[in-house]
Protein backbone atom coordinates (compact mmCIF):
# COMPACT_ATOMS: atom_id res chain seq x y z
CA MET A 1 -5.14 8.67 19.00
CA TYR A 2 -3.18 6.28 16.81
CA ALA A 3 -3.52 2.77 15.47
CA ILE A 4 -1.27 0.06 14.10
CA VAL A 5 -2.75 -1.52 10.97
CA LYS A 6 -1.66 -4.34 8.73
CA CYS A 7 -1.77 -3.52 5.02
CA GLY A 8 0.07 -5.26 2.20
CA GLY A 9 2.01 -7.54 4.53
CA LYS A 10 3.46 -4.60 6.48
CA GLN A 11 2.48 -2.94 9.73
CA LEU A 12 1.99 0.82 9.84
CA LYS A 13 1.46 3.28 12.68
CA VAL A 14 -1.20 5.77 11.53
CA GLN A 15 -2.98 8.79 12.95
CA ALA A 16 -5.82 10.87 11.56
CA GLY A 17 -4.43 13.20 8.88
CA ASP A 18 -1.34 11.08 8.07
CA ILE A 19 -0.31 10.41 4.48
CA VAL A 20 1.12 6.90 4.01
CA LYS A 21 2.36 4.79 1.10
CA VAL A 22 1.19 1.16 0.96
CA GLU A 23 1.43 -1.58 -1.64
CA LYS A 24 -0.94 -1.11 -4.56
CA LEU A 25 -4.65 -1.42 -3.78
CA ASP A 26 -7.28 -1.91 -6.49
CA THR A 27 -9.14 1.35 -5.94
CA GLU A 28 -9.56 4.54 -7.91
CA VAL A 29 -8.04 7.91 -7.09
CA GLU A 30 -10.30 9.92 -4.75
CA GLY A 31 -11.96 6.65 -3.66
CA SER A 32 -12.26 5.50 -0.08
CA VAL A 33 -10.65 2.50 1.59
CA GLU A 34 -11.52 0.76 4.85
CA LEU A 35 -8.57 -0.93 6.60
CA THR A 36 -10.04 -3.55 8.93
CA GLU A 37 -6.90 -5.38 10.07
CA VAL A 38 -6.21 -3.22 13.13
CA LEU A 39 -3.64 -4.74 15.49
CA MET A 40 -3.61 -2.03 18.17
CA VAL A 41 -5.48 1.17 19.04
CA ALA A 42 -4.10 3.67 21.54
CA ASN A 43 -5.73 6.71 23.01
CA GLU A 44 -3.67 8.87 25.36
CA ALA A 45 -3.79 6.50 28.35
CA ASP A 46 -6.01 3.71 27.00
CA VAL A 47 -4.24 1.07 24.91
CA THR A 48 -6.18 -1.78 23.28
CA VAL A 49 -4.14 -4.65 21.85
CA GLY A 50 -5.89 -7.23 19.68
CA THR A 51 -5.51 -10.98 19.78
CA PRO A 52 -4.58 -10.83 16.88
CA LEU A 53 -7.03 -8.09 15.73
CA VAL A 54 -9.00 -5.48 17.65
CA LYS A 55 -12.70 -6.33 17.28
CA GLY A 56 -14.87 -3.57 15.84
CA ALA A 57 -11.93 -1.31 14.98
CA SER A 58 -11.26 0.05 11.51
CA VAL A 59 -9.35 2.85 9.84
CA SER A 60 -10.89 4.80 6.97
CA ALA A 61 -8.71 6.47 4.35
CA THR A 62 -9.01 8.15 0.97
CA VAL A 63 -6.81 7.35 -2.01
CA ILE A 64 -4.73 10.34 -3.08
CA ASP A 65 -2.65 8.81 -5.88
CA GLN A 66 -1.31 5.63 -7.50
CA ILE A 67 2.46 5.98 -7.96
CA LYS A 68 5.65 4.00 -8.59
CA ASP A 69 8.42 3.88 -5.99
CA ASN A 70 12.07 4.62 -6.68
CA LYS A 71 13.93 2.09 -8.81
CA VAL A 72 15.72 -0.74 -7.02
CA ILE A 73 18.66 -2.13 -8.99
CA VAL A 74 19.58 -5.82 -8.64
CA PHE A 75 23.10 -6.61 -9.86
CA LYS A 76 24.51 -10.14 -9.93
CA LYS A 77 28.11 -10.98 -10.74
CA ASN A 78 30.39 -13.99 -10.53
CA ARG A 79 34.07 -13.16 -10.35
CA ARG A 80 36.28 -14.21 -13.27
CA GLN A 81 33.40 -15.96 -15.05
CA GLY A 82 32.12 -13.18 -17.30
CA TYR A 83 28.70 -13.41 -15.65
CA ARG A 84 26.93 -10.10 -15.05
CA ARG A 85 23.18 -9.49 -14.84
CA LYS A 86 21.45 -6.21 -14.07
CA TYR A 87 17.73 -5.97 -13.31
CA GLY A 88 15.60 -3.08 -12.18
CA HIS A 89 12.29 -2.98 -10.35
CA ARG A 90 9.82 -0.21 -9.44
CA GLN A 91 7.16 -1.15 -6.90
CA GLN A 92 3.66 0.19 -7.49
CA LEU A 93 2.27 2.04 -4.48
CA THR A 94 -0.97 3.63 -3.34
CA VAL A 95 -0.82 6.90 -1.41
CA LEU A 96 -3.47 7.08 1.32
CA LYS A 97 -4.62 9.92 3.55
CA ILE A 98 -5.99 8.62 6.85
CA SER A 99 -9.38 10.17 7.64
CA GLU A 100 -10.39 8.65 10.96
CA ILE A 101 -9.89 5.75 13.34
CA LYS A 102 -13.13 4.05 14.42
CA VAL A 103 -13.44 1.90 17.54
CA SER A 104 -16.74 0.32 18.56
């Protein structure tokens, strides 16, 4: 059984036992999270697609860690003008372990 959930503006395909990285959530480590924006739930032959969300479906997960992603370097340059700018950015992420997918 798997589900497609919307979290942090992105869509993720998750199964029970998966470890996923999502944008930072305001929860503590070892806390639990309930993802309620479920777009699709699929059992082996039974597929339920929401319009836009599946009613009564949710995904429960536990927070493993709060981390920072790899650095992304932004470099701007204009030729022959002496203009060079270099910025860096590290996105904060939450690591989740999917416990179960609930469908009512």
